[in-house]
Amino acid sequence: MYFVYILQSQKNSSFYKGSTNNLSRRVAEHNAAKDFSTARFIPWNLVWFTQKPSKSQAMVLEKKIKNLSIERTLSFILKYPSEKVPGIKIEKPIHP
């Protein structure tokens, strides 16, 4: 199972979109400054995710959402709510 996810920075409200096969680990890595592109904007909140059965399907969706503007990202999150998965906490996005 693969996850496509959206994080929002508590520092500047920016969004980061990605995919992974281990969502909890990946969010922790972002918040531990182990990723160069997100280290400057920690802490990050998980504001949206979905599961996909294959890596290729996750990558297709990730590519589609990567270029959404801030407004379109917020609209996307509201239109397609995250699934409920035990142990994964979703925060409400902040309107910048």
N, C-alpha and C. Protein backbone atom coordinates (compact mmCIF):
# COMPACT_ATOMS: atom_id res chain seq x y z
N MET A 1 0.85 -1.18 0.00
CA MET A 1 0.00 0.00 0.00
C MET A 1 0.90 1.24 0.00
N TYR A 2 0.50 2.22 -0.78
CA TYR A 2 1.23 3.49 -0.85
C TYR A 2 0.30 4.63 -0.46
N PHE A 3 0.91 5.68 0.03
CA PHE A 3 0.16 6.86 0.48
C PHE A 3 0.58 8.07 -0.33
N VAL A 4 -0.39 8.91 -0.67
CA VAL A 4 -0.13 10.24 -1.21
C VAL A 4 -0.58 11.17 -0.10
N TYR A 5 0.24 12.18 0.21
CA TYR A 5 -0.05 13.00 1.38
C TYR A 5 0.23 14.47 1.12
N ILE A 6 -0.40 15.30 1.95
CA ILE A 6 -0.15 16.74 1.93
C ILE A 6 0.17 17.17 3.36
N LEU A 7 1.30 17.85 3.51
CA LEU A 7 1.70 18.43 4.78
C LEU A 7 1.54 19.94 4.70
N GLN A 8 1.31 20.56 5.84
CA GLN A 8 1.28 22.02 5.89
C GLN A 8 2.22 22.49 7.00
N SER A 9 3.05 23.46 6.65
CA SER A 9 4.01 24.00 7.60
C SER A 9 3.32 24.88 8.64
N GLN A 10 3.66 24.67 9.90
CA GLN A 10 3.16 25.55 10.96
C GLN A 10 3.91 26.88 10.93
N LYS A 11 5.08 26.88 10.32
CA LYS A 11 5.92 28.07 10.28
C LYS A 11 5.41 29.12 9.29
N ASN A 12 5.05 28.67 8.06
CA ASN A 12 4.63 29.65 7.05
C ASN A 12 3.38 29.24 6.27
N SER A 13 2.71 28.18 6.69
CA SER A 13 1.46 27.68 6.08
C SER A 13 1.64 27.11 4.69
N SER A 14 2.87 26.93 4.22
CA SER A 14 3.07 26.35 2.89
C SER A 14 2.72 24.87 2.91
N PHE A 15 2.50 24.31 1.72
CA PHE A 15 2.15 22.90 1.58
C PHE A 15 3.31 22.13 0.97
N TYR A 16 3.41 20.87 1.36
CA TYR A 16 4.35 19.93 0.73
C TYR A 16 3.53 18.71 0.37
N LYS A 17 3.70 18.21 -0.86
CA LYS A 17 2.96 17.05 -1.32
C LYS A 17 3.95 15.95 -1.68
N GLY A 18 3.63 14.72 -1.27
CA GLY A 18 4.54 13.61 -1.54
C GLY A 18 3.83 12.28 -1.52
N SER A 19 4.61 11.21 -1.70
CA SER A 19 4.08 9.85 -1.62
C SER A 19 5.12 8.97 -0.93
N THR A 20 4.63 7.90 -0.32
CA THR A 20 5.50 7.01 0.45
C THR A 20 4.78 5.69 0.70
N ASN A 21 5.55 4.68 1.09
CA ASN A 21 4.93 3.42 1.50
C ASN A 21 4.81 3.32 3.02
N ASN A 22 5.31 4.33 3.75
CA ASN A 22 5.23 4.35 5.21
C ASN A 22 4.96 5.79 5.66
N LEU A 23 3.71 6.11 5.82
CA LEU A 23 3.30 7.49 6.07
C LEU A 23 3.83 8.02 7.41
N SER A 24 3.68 7.26 8.47
CA SER A 24 4.13 7.73 9.79
C SER A 24 5.63 8.02 9.80
N ARG A 25 6.41 7.13 9.21
CA ARG A 25 7.86 7.32 9.15
C ARG A 25 8.20 8.56 8.34
N ARG A 26 7.53 8.74 7.21
CA ARG A 26 7.86 9.85 6.32
C ARG A 26 7.52 11.20 6.95
N VAL A 27 6.39 11.29 7.63
CA VAL A 27 6.04 12.54 8.31
C VAL A 27 7.07 12.84 9.40
N ALA A 28 7.48 11.80 10.13
CA ALA A 28 8.50 11.98 11.18
C ALA A 28 9.81 12.46 10.57
N GLU A 29 10.18 11.93 9.40
CA GLU A 29 11.41 12.37 8.73
C GLU A 29 11.34 13.85 8.35
N HIS A 30 10.20 14.26 7.83
CA HIS A 30 10.04 15.68 7.49
C HIS A 30 10.20 16.56 8.74
N ASN A 31 9.63 16.13 9.84
CA ASN A 31 9.69 16.92 11.08
C ASN A 31 11.03 16.81 11.80
N ALA A 32 11.86 15.86 11.40
CA ALA A 32 13.20 15.72 11.98
C ALA A 32 14.25 16.39 11.09
N ALA A 33 13.79 17.15 10.11
CA ALA A 33 14.67 17.88 9.18
C ALA A 33 15.58 16.95 8.39
N LYS A 34 15.09 15.75 8.05
CA LYS A 34 15.89 14.80 7.27
C LYS A 34 15.68 14.98 5.77
N ASP A 35 14.82 15.89 5.39
CA ASP A 35 14.56 16.16 3.98
C ASP A 35 14.91 17.62 3.72
N PHE A 36 15.85 17.85 2.82
CA PHE A 36 16.35 19.20 2.55
C PHE A 36 15.24 20.17 2.17
N SER A 37 14.31 19.70 1.33
CA SER A 37 13.28 20.62 0.82
C SER A 37 12.27 21.05 1.87
N THR A 38 12.17 20.33 2.98
CA THR A 38 11.19 20.68 4.00
C THR A 38 11.81 21.11 5.33
N ALA A 39 13.10 20.96 5.49
CA ALA A 39 13.77 21.21 6.78
C ALA A 39 13.58 22.65 7.28
N ARG A 40 13.57 23.62 6.37
CA ARG A 40 13.48 25.03 6.78
C ARG A 40 12.12 25.42 7.34
N PHE A 41 11.11 24.60 7.07
CA PHE A 41 9.75 24.99 7.40
C PHE A 41 9.10 24.12 8.48
N ILE A 42 9.91 23.36 9.24
CA ILE A 42 9.34 22.54 10.31
C ILE A 42 8.80 23.44 11.42
N PRO A 43 7.80 23.00 12.13
CA PRO A 43 7.14 21.70 12.09
C PRO A 43 6.05 21.62 11.02
N TRP A 44 5.77 20.38 10.61
CA TRP A 44 4.77 20.09 9.59
C TRP A 44 3.60 19.33 10.20
N ASN A 45 2.40 19.63 9.72
CA ASN A 45 1.20 18.88 10.10
C ASN A 45 0.72 18.09 8.89
N LEU A 46 0.29 16.87 9.12
CA LEU A 46 -0.35 16.08 8.08
C LEU A 46 -1.78 16.59 7.97
N VAL A 47 -2.15 17.12 6.80
CA VAL A 47 -3.49 17.68 6.62
C VAL A 47 -4.35 16.88 5.65
N TRP A 48 -3.74 15.94 4.91
CA TRP A 48 -4.51 15.12 3.97
C TRP A 48 -3.68 13.93 3.54
N PHE A 49 -4.36 12.81 3.30
CA PHE A 49 -3.70 11.66 2.67
C PHE A 49 -4.75 10.74 2.09
N THR A 50 -4.30 9.88 1.19
CA THR A 50 -5.12 8.80 0.66
C THR A 50 -4.21 7.62 0.40
N GLN A 51 -4.80 6.44 0.33
CA GLN A 51 -4.04 5.22 0.06
C GLN A 51 -4.25 4.80 -1.39
N LYS A 52 -3.20 4.27 -1.99
CA LYS A 52 -3.26 3.73 -3.34
C LYS A 52 -2.65 2.34 -3.32
N PRO A 53 -3.18 1.42 -4.14
CA PRO A 53 -2.68 0.04 -4.10
C PRO A 53 -1.29 -0.15 -4.70
N SER A 54 -0.82 0.78 -5.51
CA SER A 54 0.50 0.60 -6.13
C SER A 54 1.29 1.90 -6.13
N LYS A 55 2.59 1.75 -6.23
CA LYS A 55 3.47 2.92 -6.28
C LYS A 55 3.17 3.76 -7.51
N SER A 56 2.90 3.11 -8.64
CA SER A 56 2.64 3.87 -9.87
C SER A 56 1.36 4.70 -9.75
N GLN A 57 0.33 4.16 -9.12
CA GLN A 57 -0.90 4.94 -8.93
C GLN A 57 -0.67 6.11 -7.98
N ALA A 58 0.13 5.89 -6.95
CA ALA A 58 0.44 6.97 -6.02
C ALA A 58 1.22 8.07 -6.73
N MET A 59 2.16 7.69 -7.57
CA MET A 59 2.97 8.69 -8.28
C MET A 59 2.14 9.51 -9.26
N VAL A 60 1.16 8.88 -9.90
CA VAL A 60 0.28 9.60 -10.82
C VAL A 60 -0.50 10.68 -10.06
N LEU A 61 -1.08 10.32 -8.92
CA LEU A 61 -1.84 11.30 -8.14
C LEU A 61 -0.92 12.37 -7.57
N GLU A 62 0.24 11.98 -7.07
CA GLU A 62 1.18 12.96 -6.53
C GLU A 62 1.54 14.00 -7.60
N LYS A 63 1.79 13.54 -8.81
CA LYS A 63 2.13 14.46 -9.89
C LYS A 63 0.99 15.43 -10.17
N LYS A 64 -0.25 14.94 -10.10
CA LYS A 64 -1.41 15.80 -10.36
C LYS A 64 -1.56 16.89 -9.30
N ILE A 65 -1.31 16.56 -8.03
CA ILE A 65 -1.54 17.55 -6.98
C ILE A 65 -0.32 18.44 -6.71
N LYS A 66 0.85 18.05 -7.17
CA LYS A 66 2.09 18.81 -6.90
C LYS A 66 1.99 20.27 -7.33
N ASN A 67 1.35 20.53 -8.45
CA ASN A 67 1.34 21.89 -9.00
C ASN A 67 0.10 22.70 -8.66
N LEU A 68 -0.71 22.20 -7.73
CA LEU A 68 -1.90 22.97 -7.33
C LEU A 68 -1.48 24.21 -6.56
N SER A 69 -2.16 25.30 -6.82
CA SER A 69 -1.92 26.54 -6.05
C SER A 69 -2.37 26.32 -4.60
N ILE A 70 -2.08 27.27 -3.75
CA ILE A 70 -2.51 27.18 -2.35
C ILE A 70 -4.03 27.08 -2.27
N GLU A 71 -4.73 27.94 -3.00
CA GLU A 71 -6.19 27.92 -2.98
C GLU A 71 -6.75 26.60 -3.50
N ARG A 72 -6.17 26.09 -4.58
CA ARG A 72 -6.66 24.83 -5.14
C ARG A 72 -6.31 23.65 -4.24
N THR A 73 -5.19 23.73 -3.55
CA THR A 73 -4.84 22.68 -2.59
C THR A 73 -5.86 22.65 -1.46
N LEU A 74 -6.20 23.81 -0.92
CA LEU A 74 -7.22 23.88 0.14
C LEU A 74 -8.56 23.35 -0.36
N SER A 75 -8.96 23.71 -1.56
CA SER A 75 -10.21 23.22 -2.13
C SER A 75 -10.18 21.70 -2.30
N PHE A 76 -9.04 21.18 -2.76
CA PHE A 76 -8.86 19.74 -2.95
C PHE A 76 -9.03 19.01 -1.62
N ILE A 77 -8.39 19.52 -0.56
CA ILE A 77 -8.46 18.89 0.76
C ILE A 77 -9.91 18.84 1.26
N LEU A 78 -10.66 19.93 1.03
CA LEU A 78 -12.05 19.98 1.47
C LEU A 78 -12.96 19.09 0.63
N LYS A 79 -12.68 19.01 -0.65
CA LYS A 79 -13.52 18.23 -1.56
C LYS A 79 -13.31 16.73 -1.40
N TYR A 80 -12.08 16.31 -1.10
CA TYR A 80 -11.74 14.90 -0.98
C TYR A 80 -11.17 14.61 0.41
N PRO A 81 -12.03 14.46 1.42
CA PRO A 81 -11.54 14.25 2.79
C PRO A 81 -10.67 13.00 2.91
N SER A 82 -9.74 13.04 3.85
CA SER A 82 -8.87 11.90 4.11
C SER A 82 -9.67 10.74 4.68
N GLU A 83 -9.14 9.55 4.45
CA GLU A 83 -9.72 8.35 5.02
C GLU A 83 -9.41 8.30 6.52
N LYS A 84 -10.18 7.54 7.25
CA LYS A 84 -9.92 7.32 8.68
C LYS A 84 -9.05 6.07 8.80
N VAL A 85 -7.86 6.24 9.35
CA VAL A 85 -6.95 5.12 9.56
C VAL A 85 -6.47 5.19 11.01
N PRO A 86 -6.65 4.11 11.77
CA PRO A 86 -6.19 4.12 13.16
C PRO A 86 -4.70 4.46 13.26
N GLY A 87 -4.37 5.33 14.19
CA GLY A 87 -2.98 5.69 14.42
C GLY A 87 -2.45 6.83 13.56
N ILE A 88 -3.26 7.30 12.62
CA ILE A 88 -2.83 8.42 11.77
C ILE A 88 -3.73 9.61 12.07
N LYS A 89 -3.12 10.66 12.58
CA LYS A 89 -3.87 11.86 12.97
C LYS A 89 -3.79 12.92 11.87
N ILE A 90 -4.94 13.44 11.52
CA ILE A 90 -5.04 14.49 10.50
C ILE A 90 -5.37 15.81 11.19
N GLU A 91 -4.65 16.86 10.84
CA GLU A 91 -4.92 18.20 11.35
C GLU A 91 -5.75 18.96 10.32
N LYS A 92 -6.52 19.92 10.77
CA LYS A 92 -7.25 20.78 9.83
C LYS A 92 -6.28 21.76 9.21
N PRO A 93 -6.38 21.96 7.89
CA PRO A 93 -5.48 22.93 7.25
C PRO A 93 -5.79 24.36 7.69
N ILE A 94 -4.75 25.17 7.68
CA ILE A 94 -4.86 26.59 8.03
C ILE A 94 -4.90 27.38 6.74
N HIS A 95 -5.84 28.30 6.64
CA HIS A 95 -5.86 29.14 5.44
C HIS A 95 -4.79 30.22 5.61
N PRO A 96 -3.82 30.23 4.68
CA PRO A 96 -2.72 31.22 4.81
C PRO A 96 -3.17 32.65 4.63
